[in-house]
Amino acid sequence: MILTFDQAAFKHRITKDEIRELLADPATEEFELTPSRVGNYRIMYVGFTLMGRLLEVGIECVDAPEDVFLHVYHAQPATTQYRELYDKAKGR
């Protein structure tokens, strides 16, 4: 599995390290999204960084002949919608 990044993922000043922290944290929640325009599976991950920032990170799963690419196309501080979904998933 290979993690790739779209330049648009950085427009909210979220770093690659923060994205990796969020994706590695078992407490991060996953919310399935509609498929991409080309039919790829997409997920919105919502969770905290080590510094306590609650983020939302959009990933598109791209199958390739030799590997799977997880393409980060979106990253920003969590919106109200995803804060509420995260809290609900955590039973708050």
PDB file of N, CA and C in Angstrom:
ATOM      1  N   MET A   1       0.843  -1.170   0.000  1.00  0.00           N
ATOM      2  CA  MET A   1       0.000   0.000   0.000  1.00  0.00           C
ATOM      3  C   MET A   1       0.895   1.242   0.000  1.00  0.00           C
ATOM      4  N   ILE A   2       0.570   2.170  -0.861  1.00  0.00           N
ATOM      5  CA  ILE A   2       1.363   3.386  -1.026  1.00  0.00           C
ATOM      6  C   ILE A   2       0.473   4.598  -0.784  1.00  0.00           C
ATOM      7  N   LEU A   3       0.938   5.533   0.045  1.00  0.00           N
ATOM      8  CA  LEU A   3       0.197   6.755   0.328  1.00  0.00           C
ATOM      9  C   LEU A   3       0.693   7.856  -0.600  1.00  0.00           C
ATOM     10  N   THR A   4      -0.237   8.461  -1.361  1.00  0.00           N
ATOM     11  CA  THR A   4       0.102   9.575  -2.246  1.00  0.00           C
ATOM     12  C   THR A   4      -0.734  10.787  -1.841  1.00  0.00           C
ATOM     13  N   PHE A   5      -0.295  11.961  -2.262  1.00  0.00           N
ATOM     14  CA  PHE A   5      -0.940  13.199  -1.838  1.00  0.00           C
ATOM     15  C   PHE A   5      -1.232  14.094  -3.033  1.00  0.00           C
ATOM     16  N   ASP A   6      -2.452  14.608  -3.075  1.00  0.00           N
ATOM     17  CA  ASP A   6      -2.831  15.643  -4.022  1.00  0.00           C
ATOM     18  C   ASP A   6      -2.399  16.971  -3.407  1.00  0.00           C
ATOM     19  N   GLN A   7      -1.926  17.896  -4.200  1.00  0.00           N
ATOM     20  CA  GLN A   7      -1.485  19.191  -3.672  1.00  0.00           C
ATOM     21  C   GLN A   7      -2.614  19.919  -2.947  1.00  0.00           C
ATOM     22  N   ALA A   8      -3.854  19.695  -3.362  1.00  0.00           N
ATOM     23  CA  ALA A   8      -5.005  20.341  -2.723  1.00  0.00           C
ATOM     24  C   ALA A   8      -5.159  19.915  -1.263  1.00  0.00           C
ATOM     25  N   ALA A   9      -4.597  18.779  -0.890  1.00  0.00           N
ATOM     26  CA  ALA A   9      -4.695  18.306   0.491  1.00  0.00           C
ATOM     27  C   ALA A   9      -3.965  19.213   1.474  1.00  0.00           C
ATOM     28  N   PHE A  10      -3.097  20.070   0.973  1.00  0.00           N
ATOM     29  CA  PHE A  10      -2.282  20.905   1.852  1.00  0.00           C
ATOM     30  C   PHE A  10      -2.752  22.360   1.936  1.00  0.00           C
ATOM     31  N   LYS A  11      -3.853  22.698   1.276  1.00  0.00           N
ATOM     32  CA  LYS A  11      -4.277  24.100   1.246  1.00  0.00           C
ATOM     33  C   LYS A  11      -4.740  24.611   2.606  1.00  0.00           C
ATOM     34  N   HIS A  12      -5.033  23.715   3.557  1.00  0.00           N
ATOM     35  CA  HIS A  12      -5.436  24.125   4.904  1.00  0.00           C
ATOM     36  C   HIS A  12      -4.293  23.972   5.905  1.00  0.00           C
ATOM     37  N   ARG A  13      -3.078  23.889   5.373  1.00  0.00           N
ATOM     38  CA  ARG A  13      -1.864  23.808   6.196  1.00  0.00           C
ATOM     39  C   ARG A  13      -1.808  22.570   7.094  1.00  0.00           C
ATOM     40  N   ILE A  14      -2.337  21.469   6.597  1.00  0.00           N
ATOM     41  CA  ILE A  14      -2.209  20.178   7.270  1.00  0.00           C
ATOM     42  C   ILE A  14      -0.961  19.516   6.688  1.00  0.00           C
ATOM     43  N   THR A  15      -0.133  18.945   7.538  1.00  0.00           N
ATOM     44  CA  THR A  15       1.120  18.355   7.063  1.00  0.00           C
ATOM     45  C   THR A  15       0.969  16.862   6.777  1.00  0.00           C
ATOM     46  N   LYS A  16       1.913  16.335   6.010  1.00  0.00           N
ATOM     47  CA  LYS A  16       1.944  14.889   5.758  1.00  0.00           C
ATOM     48  C   LYS A  16       2.069  14.120   7.061  1.00  0.00           C
ATOM     49  N   ASP A  17       2.879  14.622   7.978  1.00  0.00           N
ATOM     50  CA  ASP A  17       3.044  13.944   9.271  1.00  0.00           C
ATOM     51  C   ASP A  17       1.723  13.889  10.037  1.00  0.00           C
ATOM     52  N   GLU A  18       0.962  14.978  10.031  1.00  0.00           N
ATOM     53  CA  GLU A  18      -0.339  14.973  10.717  1.00  0.00           C
ATOM     54  C   GLU A  18      -1.292  13.970  10.070  1.00  0.00           C
ATOM     55  N   ILE A  19      -1.278  13.913   8.766  1.00  0.00           N
ATOM     56  CA  ILE A  19      -2.136  12.954   8.056  1.00  0.00           C
ATOM     57  C   ILE A  19      -1.736  11.534   8.417  1.00  0.00           C
ATOM     58  N   ARG A  20      -0.458  11.254   8.424  1.00  0.00           N
ATOM     59  CA  ARG A  20       0.018   9.911   8.789  1.00  0.00           C
ATOM     60  C   ARG A  20      -0.342   9.562  10.235  1.00  0.00           C
ATOM     61  N   GLU A  21      -0.216  10.527  11.153  1.00  0.00           N
ATOM     62  CA  GLU A  21      -0.589  10.307  12.555  1.00  0.00           C
ATOM     63  C   GLU A  21      -2.058   9.895  12.655  1.00  0.00           C
ATOM     64  N   LEU A  22      -2.915  10.656  11.994  1.00  0.00           N
ATOM     65  CA  LEU A  22      -4.345  10.384  12.027  1.00  0.00           C
ATOM     66  C   LEU A  22      -4.649   9.000  11.466  1.00  0.00           C
ATOM     67  N   LEU A  23      -4.042   8.652  10.341  1.00  0.00           N
ATOM     68  CA  LEU A  23      -4.314   7.363   9.714  1.00  0.00           C
ATOM     69  C   LEU A  23      -3.792   6.193  10.536  1.00  0.00           C
ATOM     70  N   ALA A  24      -2.742   6.410  11.315  1.00  0.00           N
ATOM     71  CA  ALA A  24      -2.150   5.340  12.123  1.00  0.00           C
ATOM     72  C   ALA A  24      -2.880   5.133  13.453  1.00  0.00           C
ATOM     73  N   ASP A  25      -3.677   6.095  13.870  1.00  0.00           N
ATOM     74  CA  ASP A  25      -4.341   6.037  15.172  1.00  0.00           C
ATOM     75  C   ASP A  25      -5.552   5.107  15.110  1.00  0.00           C
ATOM     76  N   PRO A  26      -5.600   4.053  15.939  1.00  0.00           N
ATOM     77  CA  PRO A  26      -6.751   3.143  15.909  1.00  0.00           C
ATOM     78  C   PRO A  26      -8.057   3.803  16.354  1.00  0.00           C
ATOM     79  N   ALA A  27      -7.986   4.955  17.012  1.00  0.00           N
ATOM     80  CA  ALA A  27      -9.200   5.660  17.438  1.00  0.00           C
ATOM     81  C   ALA A  27      -9.820   6.485  16.320  1.00  0.00           C
ATOM     82  N   THR A  28      -9.122   6.621  15.190  1.00  0.00           N
ATOM     83  CA  THR A  28      -9.649   7.372  14.048  1.00  0.00           C
ATOM     84  C   THR A  28     -10.892   6.661  13.503  1.00  0.00           C
ATOM     85  N   GLU A  29     -11.896   7.441  13.179  1.00  0.00           N
ATOM     86  CA  GLU A  29     -13.145   6.897  12.621  1.00  0.00           C
ATOM     87  C   GLU A  29     -13.137   7.003  11.101  1.00  0.00           C
ATOM     88  N   GLU A  30     -13.815   6.064  10.453  1.00  0.00           N
ATOM     89  CA  GLU A  30     -13.933   6.032   8.994  1.00  0.00           C
ATOM     90  C   GLU A  30     -15.388   6.227   8.598  1.00  0.00           C
ATOM     91  N   PHE A  31     -15.600   7.076   7.602  1.00  0.00           N
ATOM     92  CA  PHE A  31     -16.944   7.301   7.077  1.00  0.00           C
ATOM     93  C   PHE A  31     -16.899   7.112   5.566  1.00  0.00           C
ATOM     94  N   GLU A  32     -17.676   6.158   5.086  1.00  0.00           N
ATOM     95  CA  GLU A  32     -17.694   5.857   3.649  1.00  0.00           C
ATOM     96  C   GLU A  32     -18.348   6.999   2.888  1.00  0.00           C
ATOM     97  N   LEU A  33     -17.746   7.337   1.766  1.00  0.00           N
ATOM     98  CA  LEU A  33     -18.261   8.386   0.887  1.00  0.00           C
ATOM     99  C   LEU A  33     -18.759   7.767  -0.414  1.00  0.00           C
ATOM    100  N   THR A  34     -19.401   8.575  -1.238  1.00  0.00           N
ATOM    101  CA  THR A  34     -19.785   8.100  -2.559  1.00  0.00           C
ATOM    102  C   THR A  34     -18.511   7.843  -3.373  1.00  0.00           C
ATOM    103  N   PRO A  35     -18.559   6.924  -4.310  1.00  0.00           N
ATOM    104  CA  PRO A  35     -17.370   6.661  -5.130  1.00  0.00           C
ATOM    105  C   PRO A  35     -16.941   7.902  -5.917  1.00  0.00           C
ATOM    106  N   SER A  36     -15.677   7.910  -6.291  1.00  0.00           N
ATOM    107  CA  SER A  36     -15.155   9.010  -7.114  1.00  0.00           C
ATOM    108  C   SER A  36     -15.781   8.971  -8.502  1.00  0.00           C
ATOM    109  N   ARG A  37     -15.483   9.989  -9.299  1.00  0.00           N
ATOM    110  CA  ARG A  37     -16.031  10.047 -10.670  1.00  0.00           C
ATOM    111  C   ARG A  37     -15.662   8.827 -11.490  1.00  0.00           C
ATOM    112  N   VAL A  38     -14.522   8.228 -11.200  1.00  0.00           N
ATOM    113  CA  VAL A  38     -14.085   7.051 -11.964  1.00  0.00           C
ATOM    114  C   VAL A  38     -14.433   5.745 -11.246  1.00  0.00           C
ATOM    115  N   GLY A  39     -15.197   5.850 -10.144  1.00  0.00           N
ATOM    116  CA  GLY A  39     -15.692   4.663  -9.463  1.00  0.00           C
ATOM    117  C   GLY A  39     -14.814   4.123  -8.340  1.00  0.00           C
ATOM    118  N   ASN A  40     -13.782   4.856  -7.962  1.00  0.00           N
ATOM    119  CA  ASN A  40     -12.917   4.393  -6.877  1.00  0.00           C
ATOM    120  C   ASN A  40     -13.578   4.601  -5.520  1.00  0.00           C
ATOM    121  N   TYR A  41     -13.299   3.691  -4.609  1.00  0.00           N
ATOM    122  CA  TYR A  41     -13.802   3.740  -3.235  1.00  0.00           C
ATOM    123  C   TYR A  41     -13.182   4.933  -2.517  1.00  0.00           C
ATOM    124  N   ARG A  42     -14.008   5.683  -1.748  1.00  0.00           N
ATOM    125  CA  ARG A  42     -13.499   6.846  -1.013  1.00  0.00           C
ATOM    126  C   ARG A  42     -13.957   6.775   0.448  1.00  0.00           C
ATOM    127  N   ILE A  43     -13.082   7.237   1.328  1.00  0.00           N
ATOM    128  CA  ILE A  43     -13.338   7.232   2.760  1.00  0.00           C
ATOM    129  C   ILE A  43     -12.925   8.584   3.336  1.00  0.00           C
ATOM    130  N   MET A  44     -13.711   9.075   4.297  1.00  0.00           N
ATOM    131  CA  MET A  44     -13.306  10.240   5.070  1.00  0.00           C
ATOM    132  C   MET A  44     -12.883   9.725   6.443  1.00  0.00           C
ATOM    133  N   TYR A  45     -11.639   9.981   6.792  1.00  0.00           N
ATOM    134  CA  TYR A  45     -11.111   9.621   8.100  1.00  0.00           C
ATOM    135  C   TYR A  45     -11.196  10.851   8.990  1.00  0.00           C
ATOM    136  N   VAL A  46     -11.642  10.654  10.230  1.00  0.00           N
ATOM    137  CA  VAL A  46     -11.751  11.749  11.183  1.00  0.00           C
ATOM    138  C   VAL A  46     -11.112  11.299  12.488  1.00  0.00           C
ATOM    139  N   GLY A  47     -10.167  12.106  12.959  1.00  0.00           N
ATOM    140  CA  GLY A  47      -9.495  11.767  14.205  1.00  0.00           C
ATOM    141  C   GLY A  47      -8.538  12.850  14.633  1.00  0.00           C
ATOM    142  N   PHE A  48      -7.850  12.567  15.729  1.00  0.00           N
ATOM    143  CA  PHE A  48      -6.957  13.541  16.336  1.00  0.00           C
ATOM    144  C   PHE A  48      -5.503  13.289  15.964  1.00  0.00           C
ATOM    145  N   THR A  49      -4.757  14.380  15.842  1.00  0.00           N
ATOM    146  CA  THR A  49      -3.311  14.295  15.685  1.00  0.00           C
ATOM    147  C   THR A  49      -2.697  14.187  17.084  1.00  0.00           C
ATOM    148  N   LEU A  50      -1.406  13.976  17.155  1.00  0.00           N
ATOM    149  CA  LEU A  50      -0.716  13.915  18.449  1.00  0.00           C
ATOM    150  C   LEU A  50      -0.787  15.244  19.199  1.00  0.00           C
ATOM    151  N   MET A  51      -0.964  16.340  18.464  1.00  0.00           N
ATOM    152  CA  MET A  51      -1.084  17.666  19.081  1.00  0.00           C
ATOM    153  C   MET A  51      -2.534  18.008  19.451  1.00  0.00           C
ATOM    154  N   GLY A  52      -3.458  17.064  19.245  1.00  0.00           N
ATOM    155  CA  GLY A  52      -4.841  17.262  19.650  1.00  0.00           C
ATOM    156  C   GLY A  52      -5.734  17.959  18.644  1.00  0.00           C
ATOM    157  N   ARG A  53      -5.280  18.079  17.406  1.00  0.00           N
ATOM    158  CA  ARG A  53      -6.112  18.691  16.359  1.00  0.00           C
ATOM    159  C   ARG A  53      -7.055  17.641  15.777  1.00  0.00           C
ATOM    160  N   LEU A  54      -8.345  17.947  15.730  1.00  0.00           N
ATOM    161  CA  LEU A  54      -9.314  17.046  15.110  1.00  0.00           C
ATOM    162  C   LEU A  54      -9.382  17.377  13.625  1.00  0.00           C
ATOM    163  N   LEU A  55      -9.027  16.405  12.797  1.00  0.00           N
ATOM    164  CA  LEU A  55      -8.958  16.617  11.347  1.00  0.00           C
ATOM    165  C   LEU A  55      -9.888  15.677  10.610  1.00  0.00           C
ATOM    166  N   GLU A  56     -10.218  16.067   9.381  1.00  0.00           N
ATOM    167  CA  GLU A  56     -10.875  15.179   8.434  1.00  0.00           C
ATOM    168  C   GLU A  56      -9.937  15.020   7.240  1.00  0.00           C
ATOM    169  N   VAL A  57      -9.770  13.773   6.807  1.00  0.00           N
ATOM    170  CA  VAL A  57      -8.847  13.466   5.714  1.00  0.00           C
ATOM    171  C   VAL A  57      -9.567  12.555   4.721  1.00  0.00           C
ATOM    172  N   GLY A  58      -9.702  13.039   3.474  1.00  0.00           N
ATOM    173  CA  GLY A  58     -10.355  12.271   2.423  1.00  0.00           C
ATOM    174  C   GLY A  58      -9.343  11.444   1.652  1.00  0.00           C
ATOM    175  N   ILE A  59      -9.647  10.160   1.505  1.00  0.00           N
ATOM    176  CA  ILE A  59      -8.759   9.208   0.828  1.00  0.00           C
ATOM    177  C   ILE A  59      -9.523   8.543  -0.314  1.00  0.00           C
ATOM    178  N   GLU A  60      -8.879   8.423  -1.452  1.00  0.00           N
ATOM    179  CA  GLU A  60      -9.423   7.653  -2.573  1.00  0.00           C
ATOM    180  C   GLU A  60      -8.530   6.429  -2.765  1.00  0.00           C
ATOM    181  N   CYS A  61      -9.134   5.254  -2.799  1.00  0.00           N
ATOM    182  CA  CYS A  61      -8.390   4.005  -2.975  1.00  0.00           C
ATOM    183  C   CYS A  61      -8.272   3.715  -4.468  1.00  0.00           C
ATOM    184  N   VAL A  62      -7.045   3.646  -4.942  1.00  0.00           N
ATOM    185  CA  VAL A  62      -6.785   3.439  -6.366  1.00  0.00           C
ATOM    186  C   VAL A  62      -6.033   2.134  -6.540  1.00  0.00           C
ATOM    187  N   ASP A  63      -6.688   1.163  -7.189  1.00  0.00           N
ATOM    188  CA  ASP A  63      -6.039  -0.114  -7.459  1.00  0.00           C
ATOM    189  C   ASP A  63      -5.115   0.017  -8.646  1.00  0.00           C
ATOM    190  N   ALA A  64      -3.922  -0.532  -8.496  1.00  0.00           N
ATOM    191  CA  ALA A  64      -2.943  -0.566  -9.581  1.00  0.00           C
ATOM    192  C   ALA A  64      -2.517  -2.017  -9.745  1.00  0.00           C
ATOM    193  N   PRO A  65      -1.937  -2.353 -10.875  1.00  0.00           N
ATOM    194  CA  PRO A  65      -1.570  -3.753 -11.115  1.00  0.00           C
ATOM    195  C   PRO A  65      -0.685  -4.365 -10.020  1.00  0.00           C
ATOM    196  N   GLU A  66       0.197  -3.573  -9.433  1.00  0.00           N
ATOM    197  CA  GLU A  66       1.128  -4.147  -8.478  1.00  0.00           C
ATOM    198  C   GLU A  66       0.913  -3.702  -7.045  1.00  0.00           C
ATOM    199  N   ASP A  67       0.007  -2.753  -6.809  1.00  0.00           N
ATOM    200  CA  ASP A  67      -0.181  -2.244  -5.457  1.00  0.00           C
ATOM    201  C   ASP A  67      -1.494  -1.479  -5.363  1.00  0.00           C
ATOM    202  N   VAL A  68      -1.822  -1.043  -4.157  1.00  0.00           N
ATOM    203  CA  VAL A  68      -2.982  -0.189  -3.922  1.00  0.00           C
ATOM    204  C   VAL A  68      -2.450   1.163  -3.464  1.00  0.00           C
ATOM    205  N   PHE A  69      -2.948   2.211  -4.078  1.00  0.00           N
ATOM    206  CA  PHE A  69      -2.565   3.562  -3.703  1.00  0.00           C
ATOM    207  C   PHE A  69      -3.693   4.162  -2.875  1.00  0.00           C
ATOM    208  N   LEU A  70      -3.359   4.732  -1.736  1.00  0.00           N
ATOM    209  CA  LEU A  70      -4.301   5.523  -0.956  1.00  0.00           C
ATOM    210  C   LEU A  70      -3.959   6.966  -1.251  1.00  0.00           C
ATOM    211  N   HIS A  71      -4.822   7.617  -2.014  1.00  0.00           N
ATOM    212  CA  HIS A  71      -4.550   8.969  -2.476  1.00  0.00           C
ATOM    213  C   HIS A  71      -5.288   9.970  -1.592  1.00  0.00           C
ATOM    214  N   VAL A  72      -4.533  10.803  -0.872  1.00  0.00           N
ATOM    215  CA  VAL A  72      -5.108  11.841  -0.021  1.00  0.00           C
ATOM    216  C   VAL A  72      -5.464  13.026  -0.912  1.00  0.00           C
ATOM    217  N   TYR A  73      -6.755  13.300  -1.032  1.00  0.00           N
ATOM    218  CA  TYR A  73      -7.183  14.405  -1.895  1.00  0.00           C
ATOM    219  C   TYR A  73      -7.753  15.569  -1.084  1.00  0.00           C
ATOM    220  N   HIS A  74      -7.920  15.371   0.235  1.00  0.00           N
ATOM    221  CA  HIS A  74      -8.548  16.399   1.069  1.00  0.00           C
ATOM    222  C   HIS A  74      -8.027  16.267   2.494  1.00  0.00           C
ATOM    223  N   ALA A  75      -7.709  17.391   3.131  1.00  0.00           N
ATOM    224  CA  ALA A  75      -7.333  17.405   4.546  1.00  0.00           C
ATOM    225  C   ALA A  75      -7.599  18.797   5.103  1.00  0.00           C
ATOM    226  N   GLN A  76      -8.291  18.838   6.251  1.00  0.00           N
ATOM    227  CA  GLN A  76      -8.581  20.121   6.886  1.00  0.00           C
ATOM    228  C   GLN A  76      -9.022  19.863   8.320  1.00  0.00           C
ATOM    229  N   PRO A  77      -9.063  20.931   9.136  1.00  0.00           N
ATOM    230  CA  PRO A  77      -9.657  20.774  10.463  1.00  0.00           C
ATOM    231  C   PRO A  77     -11.097  20.268  10.285  1.00  0.00           C
ATOM    232  N   ALA A  78     -11.534  19.418  11.183  1.00  0.00           N
ATOM    233  CA  ALA A  78     -12.855  18.804  11.042  1.00  0.00           C
ATOM    234  C   ALA A  78     -13.963  19.851  11.044  1.00  0.00           C
ATOM    235  N   THR A  79     -14.856  19.723  10.078  1.00  0.00           N
ATOM    236  CA  THR A  79     -16.031  20.585  10.000  1.00  0.00           C
ATOM    237  C   THR A  79     -17.048  20.142  11.054  1.00  0.00           C
ATOM    238  N   THR A  80     -18.062  20.968  11.280  1.00  0.00           N
ATOM    239  CA  THR A  80     -19.108  20.629  12.242  1.00  0.00           C
ATOM    240  C   THR A  80     -19.734  19.281  11.908  1.00  0.00           C
ATOM    241  N   GLN A  81     -19.982  19.032  10.630  1.00  0.00           N
ATOM    242  CA  GLN A  81     -20.583  17.763  10.198  1.00  0.00           C
ATOM    243  C   GLN A  81     -19.753  16.575  10.672  1.00  0.00           C
ATOM    244  N   TYR A  82     -18.451  16.615  10.446  1.00  0.00           N
ATOM    245  CA  TYR A  82     -17.620  15.470  10.809  1.00  0.00           C
ATOM    246  C   TYR A  82     -17.304  15.439  12.304  1.00  0.00           C
ATOM    247  N   ARG A  83     -17.294  16.583  12.975  1.00  0.00           N
ATOM    248  CA  ARG A  83     -17.163  16.583  14.446  1.00  0.00           C
ATOM    249  C   ARG A  83     -18.347  15.852  15.060  1.00  0.00           C
ATOM    250  N   GLU A  84     -19.543  16.152  14.561  1.00  0.00           N
ATOM    251  CA  GLU A  84     -20.749  15.511  15.080  1.00  0.00           C
ATOM    252  C   GLU A  84     -20.763  14.013  14.782  1.00  0.00           C
ATOM    253  N   LEU A  85     -20.385  13.635  13.569  1.00  0.00           N
ATOM    254  CA  LEU A  85     -20.319  12.206  13.235  1.00  0.00           C
ATOM    255  C   LEU A  85     -19.278  11.476  14.095  1.00  0.00           C
ATOM    256  N   TYR A  86     -18.138  12.128  14.317  1.00  0.00           N
ATOM    257  CA  TYR A  86     -17.087  11.551  15.151  1.00  0.00           C
ATOM    258  C   TYR A  86     -17.603  11.363  16.588  1.00  0.00           C
ATOM    259  N   ASP A  87     -18.206  12.400  17.152  1.00  0.00           N
ATOM    260  CA  ASP A  87     -18.739  12.312  18.509  1.00  0.00           C
ATOM    261  C   ASP A  87     -19.791  11.220  18.625  1.00  0.00           C
ATOM    262  N   LYS A  88     -20.660  11.122  17.650  1.00  0.00           N
ATOM    263  CA  LYS A  88     -21.700  10.085  17.654  1.00  0.00           C
ATOM    264  C   LYS A  88     -21.087   8.699  17.607  1.00  0.00           C
ATOM    265  N   ALA A  89     -20.068   8.517  16.776  1.00  0.00           N
ATOM    266  CA  ALA A  89     -19.378   7.221  16.669  1.00  0.00           C
ATOM    267  C   ALA A  89     -18.694   6.841  17.978  1.00  0.00           C
ATOM    268  N   LYS A  90     -18.278   7.851  18.732  1.00  0.00           N
ATOM    269  CA  LYS A  90     -17.603   7.621  20.015  1.00  0.00           C
ATOM    270  C   LYS A  90     -18.584   7.552  21.185  1.00  0.00           C
ATOM    271  N   GLY A  91     -19.873   7.711  20.889  1.00  0.00           N
ATOM    272  CA  GLY A  91     -20.895   7.621  21.925  1.00  0.00           C
ATOM    273  C   GLY A  91     -20.972   8.834  22.836  1.00  0.00           C
ATOM    274  N   ARG A  92     -20.635   9.980  22.291  1.00  0.00           N
ATOM    275  CA  ARG A  92     -20.673  11.222  23.098  1.00  0.00           C
ATOM    276  C   ARG A  92     -21.953  11.976  22.875  1.00  0.00           C
TER     277      ARG A  92
END
